[in-house]
N, C-alpha and C. Protein backbone atom coordinates (compact mmCIF):
# COMPACT_ATOMS: atom_id res chain seq x y z
N MET A 1 -9.37 7.28 35.64
CA MET A 1 -9.52 7.34 34.18
C MET A 1 -9.54 5.92 33.71
N TYR A 2 -10.61 5.54 32.98
CA TYR A 2 -10.73 4.24 32.35
C TYR A 2 -10.83 4.47 30.88
N ILE A 3 -9.92 3.98 30.08
CA ILE A 3 -9.92 4.13 28.67
C ILE A 3 -9.87 2.77 28.02
N LYS A 4 -10.74 2.55 27.00
CA LYS A 4 -10.77 1.24 26.32
C LYS A 4 -10.81 1.56 24.79
N PRO A 5 -10.46 0.51 24.01
CA PRO A 5 -10.55 0.75 22.50
C PRO A 5 -11.96 1.03 22.12
N ILE A 6 -12.09 1.82 20.99
CA ILE A 6 -13.39 2.19 20.43
C ILE A 6 -13.69 1.08 19.36
N LYS A 7 -14.63 0.21 19.65
CA LYS A 7 -14.97 -0.89 18.81
C LYS A 7 -16.30 -0.79 18.12
N THR A 8 -17.18 -0.04 18.72
CA THR A 8 -18.57 0.06 18.19
C THR A 8 -19.00 1.51 18.08
N GLU A 9 -20.10 1.69 17.39
CA GLU A 9 -20.67 3.02 17.21
C GLU A 9 -20.98 3.58 18.60
N ARG A 10 -21.48 2.77 19.44
CA ARG A 10 -21.81 3.27 20.84
C ARG A 10 -20.54 3.77 21.58
N ASP A 11 -19.47 2.96 21.48
CA ASP A 11 -18.19 3.42 22.06
C ASP A 11 -17.79 4.75 21.55
N TYR A 12 -17.92 4.88 20.19
CA TYR A 12 -17.50 6.07 19.49
C TYR A 12 -18.34 7.29 20.03
N THR A 13 -19.70 7.11 20.10
CA THR A 13 -20.58 8.14 20.59
C THR A 13 -20.22 8.54 22.05
N GLU A 14 -19.98 7.58 22.90
CA GLU A 14 -19.54 7.84 24.27
C GLU A 14 -18.29 8.62 24.33
N SER A 15 -17.34 8.25 23.53
CA SER A 15 -16.06 8.89 23.50
C SER A 15 -16.15 10.30 23.08
N ILE A 16 -16.96 10.60 22.08
CA ILE A 16 -17.23 11.99 21.67
C ILE A 16 -17.85 12.81 22.74
N LYS A 17 -18.79 12.22 23.48
CA LYS A 17 -19.39 12.94 24.62
C LYS A 17 -18.38 13.29 25.64
N ARG A 18 -17.49 12.30 25.96
CA ARG A 18 -16.49 12.53 26.97
C ARG A 18 -15.48 13.57 26.58
N ILE A 19 -15.15 13.57 25.30
CA ILE A 19 -14.23 14.57 24.76
C ILE A 19 -14.85 15.95 24.95
N GLU A 20 -16.13 16.08 24.66
CA GLU A 20 -16.82 17.36 24.83
C GLU A 20 -16.76 17.82 26.32
N GLU A 21 -16.92 16.86 27.20
CA GLU A 21 -16.84 17.18 28.65
C GLU A 21 -15.44 17.65 29.05
N LEU A 22 -14.45 17.02 28.44
CA LEU A 22 -13.10 17.37 28.77
C LEU A 22 -12.46 18.53 28.00
N TRP A 23 -13.24 19.06 27.09
CA TRP A 23 -12.77 20.18 26.22
C TRP A 23 -12.22 21.31 27.11
N GLY A 24 -10.99 21.74 26.85
CA GLY A 24 -10.41 22.82 27.58
C GLY A 24 -9.68 22.32 28.81
N ALA A 25 -9.56 21.02 29.05
CA ALA A 25 -8.79 20.47 30.16
C ALA A 25 -7.32 20.92 30.07
N GLU A 26 -6.72 21.20 31.20
CA GLU A 26 -5.34 21.63 31.20
C GLU A 26 -4.44 20.50 30.85
N LYS A 27 -3.37 20.86 30.08
CA LYS A 27 -2.37 19.89 29.66
C LYS A 27 -1.63 19.39 30.93
N ASP A 28 -1.18 18.16 30.76
CA ASP A 28 -0.40 17.51 31.85
C ASP A 28 -1.18 17.34 33.10
N THR A 29 -2.49 17.16 33.03
CA THR A 29 -3.30 16.82 34.20
C THR A 29 -3.95 15.50 33.77
N PRO A 30 -4.54 14.74 34.72
CA PRO A 30 -5.25 13.50 34.34
C PRO A 30 -6.31 13.73 33.33
N GLU A 31 -7.07 14.84 33.43
CA GLU A 31 -8.08 15.10 32.48
C GLU A 31 -7.54 15.46 31.12
N GLY A 32 -6.44 16.22 31.08
CA GLY A 32 -5.80 16.52 29.81
C GLY A 32 -5.24 15.29 29.10
N ASP A 33 -4.61 14.37 29.98
CA ASP A 33 -4.15 13.13 29.42
C ASP A 33 -5.30 12.29 28.80
N GLU A 34 -6.36 12.23 29.51
CA GLU A 34 -7.51 11.44 29.07
C GLU A 34 -8.05 12.06 27.80
N PHE A 35 -8.13 13.35 27.72
CA PHE A 35 -8.54 14.08 26.49
C PHE A 35 -7.66 13.69 25.29
N ASP A 36 -6.31 13.72 25.47
CA ASP A 36 -5.42 13.41 24.41
C ASP A 36 -5.59 11.98 23.93
N LEU A 37 -5.73 11.07 24.85
CA LEU A 37 -5.94 9.65 24.48
C LEU A 37 -7.19 9.44 23.73
N LEU A 38 -8.27 10.06 24.21
CA LEU A 38 -9.55 9.86 23.53
C LEU A 38 -9.53 10.42 22.15
N ILE A 39 -8.92 11.63 21.97
CA ILE A 39 -8.77 12.19 20.61
C ILE A 39 -8.05 11.27 19.69
N THR A 40 -7.01 10.60 20.17
CA THR A 40 -6.24 9.68 19.33
C THR A 40 -7.07 8.48 18.96
N LEU A 41 -7.79 7.92 19.94
CA LEU A 41 -8.67 6.75 19.68
C LEU A 41 -9.77 7.10 18.67
N VAL A 42 -10.37 8.28 18.84
CA VAL A 42 -11.47 8.68 17.93
C VAL A 42 -10.94 8.89 16.51
N GLU A 43 -9.78 9.54 16.40
CA GLU A 43 -9.16 9.76 15.10
C GLU A 43 -8.91 8.36 14.40
N PHE A 44 -8.36 7.41 15.13
CA PHE A 44 -8.10 6.12 14.55
C PHE A 44 -9.42 5.44 14.09
N TYR A 45 -10.42 5.50 14.92
CA TYR A 45 -11.71 4.92 14.60
C TYR A 45 -12.31 5.59 13.36
N GLU A 46 -12.20 6.91 13.23
CA GLU A 46 -12.77 7.64 12.10
C GLU A 46 -12.03 7.33 10.81
N ILE A 47 -10.72 7.20 10.87
CA ILE A 47 -9.98 6.80 9.70
C ILE A 47 -10.34 5.44 9.25
N LYS A 48 -10.56 4.50 10.19
CA LYS A 48 -10.91 3.12 9.82
C LYS A 48 -12.35 3.01 9.33
N HIS A 49 -13.30 3.76 9.91
CA HIS A 49 -14.66 3.52 9.62
C HIS A 49 -15.33 4.59 8.70
N PHE A 50 -14.71 5.73 8.61
CA PHE A 50 -15.23 6.83 7.75
C PHE A 50 -14.11 7.38 6.85
N PRO A 51 -13.57 6.53 6.02
CA PRO A 51 -12.44 6.95 5.16
C PRO A 51 -12.95 8.07 4.19
N ILE A 52 -12.03 8.96 3.83
CA ILE A 52 -12.33 10.01 2.91
C ILE A 52 -11.68 9.64 1.57
N ALA A 53 -12.51 9.55 0.53
CA ALA A 53 -12.01 9.23 -0.75
C ALA A 53 -11.24 10.33 -1.37
N PRO A 54 -10.16 10.05 -2.13
CA PRO A 54 -9.47 11.17 -2.71
C PRO A 54 -10.30 11.93 -3.72
N PRO A 55 -10.01 13.21 -3.90
CA PRO A 55 -10.82 14.04 -4.86
C PRO A 55 -10.62 13.51 -6.27
N ASP A 56 -11.56 13.84 -7.07
CA ASP A 56 -11.54 13.63 -8.51
C ASP A 56 -10.41 14.54 -9.06
N PRO A 57 -9.54 14.02 -9.96
CA PRO A 57 -8.44 14.85 -10.52
C PRO A 57 -8.95 16.20 -11.10
N ILE A 58 -9.99 16.19 -11.84
CA ILE A 58 -10.53 17.44 -12.48
C ILE A 58 -10.96 18.39 -11.39
N ASP A 59 -11.65 17.86 -10.40
CA ASP A 59 -12.09 18.75 -9.26
C ASP A 59 -10.91 19.35 -8.53
N ALA A 60 -9.84 18.52 -8.40
CA ALA A 60 -8.62 19.07 -7.74
C ALA A 60 -7.94 20.16 -8.53
N ILE A 61 -7.97 19.99 -9.83
CA ILE A 61 -7.39 21.06 -10.73
C ILE A 61 -8.21 22.31 -10.57
N LYS A 62 -9.49 22.17 -10.67
CA LYS A 62 -10.40 23.38 -10.61
C LYS A 62 -10.27 24.06 -9.22
N PHE A 63 -10.15 23.23 -8.19
CA PHE A 63 -9.99 23.81 -6.80
C PHE A 63 -8.68 24.59 -6.71
N ARG A 64 -7.59 24.02 -7.27
CA ARG A 64 -6.31 24.72 -7.19
C ARG A 64 -6.36 26.02 -8.03
N MET A 65 -7.01 25.97 -9.20
CA MET A 65 -7.15 27.12 -10.06
C MET A 65 -7.88 28.23 -9.24
N GLU A 66 -8.98 27.87 -8.56
CA GLU A 66 -9.72 28.85 -7.73
C GLU A 66 -8.86 29.40 -6.67
N GLN A 67 -8.08 28.53 -5.96
CA GLN A 67 -7.23 29.00 -4.89
C GLN A 67 -6.16 29.97 -5.40
N MET A 68 -5.66 29.76 -6.60
CA MET A 68 -4.64 30.59 -7.10
C MET A 68 -5.12 31.71 -7.97
N GLY A 69 -6.45 31.84 -8.17
CA GLY A 69 -7.03 32.89 -8.99
C GLY A 69 -6.64 32.67 -10.46
N MET A 70 -6.55 31.47 -10.86
CA MET A 70 -6.17 31.22 -12.27
C MET A 70 -7.32 31.15 -13.20
N THR A 71 -7.09 31.37 -14.46
CA THR A 71 -8.09 31.19 -15.53
C THR A 71 -7.72 30.01 -16.36
N LYS A 72 -8.60 29.69 -17.25
CA LYS A 72 -8.30 28.57 -18.19
C LYS A 72 -7.09 28.99 -19.04
N THR A 73 -6.97 30.17 -19.39
CA THR A 73 -5.86 30.66 -20.13
C THR A 73 -4.50 30.37 -19.37
N ASP A 74 -4.53 30.69 -18.06
CA ASP A 74 -3.35 30.40 -17.26
C ASP A 74 -3.03 28.92 -17.22
N LEU A 75 -4.02 28.10 -17.20
CA LEU A 75 -3.84 26.64 -17.11
C LEU A 75 -3.21 26.04 -18.43
N ALA A 76 -3.34 26.73 -19.52
CA ALA A 76 -2.82 26.24 -20.79
C ALA A 76 -1.30 26.07 -20.68
N LYS A 77 -0.65 26.85 -19.88
CA LYS A 77 0.80 26.78 -19.62
C LYS A 77 1.17 25.33 -19.18
N TYR A 78 0.28 24.66 -18.47
CA TYR A 78 0.52 23.37 -17.93
C TYR A 78 0.00 22.25 -18.78
N LEU A 79 -1.07 22.53 -19.56
CA LEU A 79 -1.68 21.44 -20.35
C LEU A 79 -1.42 21.53 -21.82
N GLY A 80 -0.88 22.61 -22.33
CA GLY A 80 -0.46 22.67 -23.71
C GLY A 80 -1.18 23.71 -24.52
N SER A 81 -2.46 23.77 -24.43
CA SER A 81 -3.20 24.80 -25.15
C SER A 81 -4.56 25.04 -24.48
N GLN A 82 -5.19 26.17 -24.89
CA GLN A 82 -6.48 26.50 -24.31
C GLN A 82 -7.53 25.44 -24.76
N SER A 83 -7.48 24.97 -25.90
CA SER A 83 -8.45 23.95 -26.32
C SER A 83 -8.28 22.67 -25.53
N ARG A 84 -7.03 22.28 -25.27
CA ARG A 84 -6.74 21.12 -24.42
C ARG A 84 -7.22 21.33 -23.04
N VAL A 85 -7.14 22.49 -22.50
CA VAL A 85 -7.68 22.85 -21.19
C VAL A 85 -9.14 22.57 -21.12
N SER A 86 -9.86 23.05 -22.14
CA SER A 86 -11.32 22.86 -22.25
C SER A 86 -11.63 21.41 -22.28
N GLU A 87 -10.87 20.64 -23.11
CA GLU A 87 -11.16 19.20 -23.21
C GLU A 87 -10.92 18.48 -21.88
N VAL A 88 -9.82 18.76 -21.21
CA VAL A 88 -9.51 18.15 -19.93
C VAL A 88 -10.55 18.51 -18.88
N LEU A 89 -10.82 19.80 -18.73
CA LEU A 89 -11.77 20.22 -17.67
C LEU A 89 -13.23 19.76 -18.03
N GLY A 90 -13.51 19.55 -19.25
CA GLY A 90 -14.81 19.06 -19.67
C GLY A 90 -14.92 17.52 -19.64
N GLY A 91 -13.85 16.85 -19.30
CA GLY A 91 -13.85 15.41 -19.20
C GLY A 91 -13.78 14.70 -20.56
N ARG A 92 -13.45 15.40 -21.61
CA ARG A 92 -13.34 14.77 -22.91
C ARG A 92 -12.01 14.27 -23.25
N ARG A 93 -10.96 14.63 -22.46
CA ARG A 93 -9.60 14.19 -22.70
C ARG A 93 -9.03 13.82 -21.32
N LYS A 94 -8.39 12.70 -21.28
CA LYS A 94 -7.66 12.27 -20.03
C LYS A 94 -6.32 13.00 -19.92
N LEU A 95 -5.90 13.07 -18.68
CA LEU A 95 -4.55 13.73 -18.43
C LEU A 95 -3.50 12.71 -18.94
N THR A 96 -2.50 13.29 -19.58
CA THR A 96 -1.31 12.49 -19.96
C THR A 96 -0.30 12.53 -18.88
N LEU A 97 0.72 11.72 -18.93
CA LEU A 97 1.77 11.72 -17.90
C LEU A 97 2.50 13.10 -17.90
N LYS A 98 2.71 13.57 -19.15
CA LYS A 98 3.34 14.88 -19.25
C LYS A 98 2.57 15.98 -18.55
N MET A 99 1.22 15.98 -18.71
CA MET A 99 0.39 16.94 -18.08
C MET A 99 0.39 16.79 -16.58
N ILE A 100 0.35 15.54 -16.07
CA ILE A 100 0.40 15.30 -14.69
C ILE A 100 1.68 15.83 -14.09
N LYS A 101 2.79 15.59 -14.69
CA LYS A 101 4.09 16.05 -14.23
C LYS A 101 4.05 17.57 -14.14
N SER A 102 3.55 18.20 -15.22
CA SER A 102 3.50 19.65 -15.21
C SER A 102 2.64 20.26 -14.15
N LEU A 103 1.45 19.59 -13.93
CA LEU A 103 0.59 20.12 -12.85
C LEU A 103 1.16 19.91 -11.49
N TYR A 104 1.80 18.77 -11.38
CA TYR A 104 2.49 18.47 -10.02
C TYR A 104 3.62 19.50 -9.73
N LYS A 105 4.40 19.76 -10.74
CA LYS A 105 5.52 20.67 -10.48
C LYS A 105 5.05 22.11 -10.41
N GLY A 106 4.22 22.54 -11.30
CA GLY A 106 3.77 23.91 -11.34
C GLY A 106 2.70 24.32 -10.34
N LEU A 107 1.73 23.43 -10.10
CA LEU A 107 0.63 23.79 -9.18
C LEU A 107 0.64 23.08 -7.87
N LYS A 108 1.62 22.14 -7.70
CA LYS A 108 1.78 21.34 -6.49
C LYS A 108 0.50 20.55 -6.17
N ILE A 109 -0.13 20.04 -7.15
CA ILE A 109 -1.21 19.06 -6.94
C ILE A 109 -0.56 17.71 -6.81
N PRO A 110 -0.86 16.99 -5.73
CA PRO A 110 -0.28 15.70 -5.50
C PRO A 110 -0.49 14.75 -6.72
N ALA A 111 0.58 14.09 -7.13
CA ALA A 111 0.49 13.20 -8.33
C ALA A 111 -0.51 12.04 -8.05
N GLU A 112 -0.60 11.60 -6.82
CA GLU A 112 -1.50 10.46 -6.55
C GLU A 112 -2.98 10.83 -6.81
N ILE A 113 -3.29 12.12 -6.65
CA ILE A 113 -4.64 12.63 -6.92
C ILE A 113 -4.88 12.71 -8.41
N LEU A 114 -3.86 13.17 -9.16
CA LEU A 114 -3.97 13.34 -10.62
C LEU A 114 -3.96 12.00 -11.32
N LEU A 115 -3.35 10.99 -10.73
CA LEU A 115 -3.31 9.66 -11.33
C LEU A 115 -4.59 8.87 -11.14
N ALA A 116 -5.42 9.28 -10.20
CA ALA A 116 -6.63 8.51 -9.84
C ALA A 116 -7.58 8.47 -10.99
């Protein structure tokens, strides 16, 4: 087993191919260990070279509403009124700190997403 850091796109592609070959390798075998190491190296490379931007706060709210089966009327509990919900979701009003705290506590939307 020869493992080296993933520094280039070519290294990345070769590592992905090797992972595919090792897929299903038994744990605690040389192949299983190689698989685990390559997965770790690929994850690190992807985090560094293909970062995922945090979601837009309004999109995060809409997503959580959909997950929880909520309506705009339900969201008024967290934003103050139905008209305020429409303004926020329509992009005409920014979230206040009070709204952010309420959404964080009530809907468990991470504050760092709501503050973006």
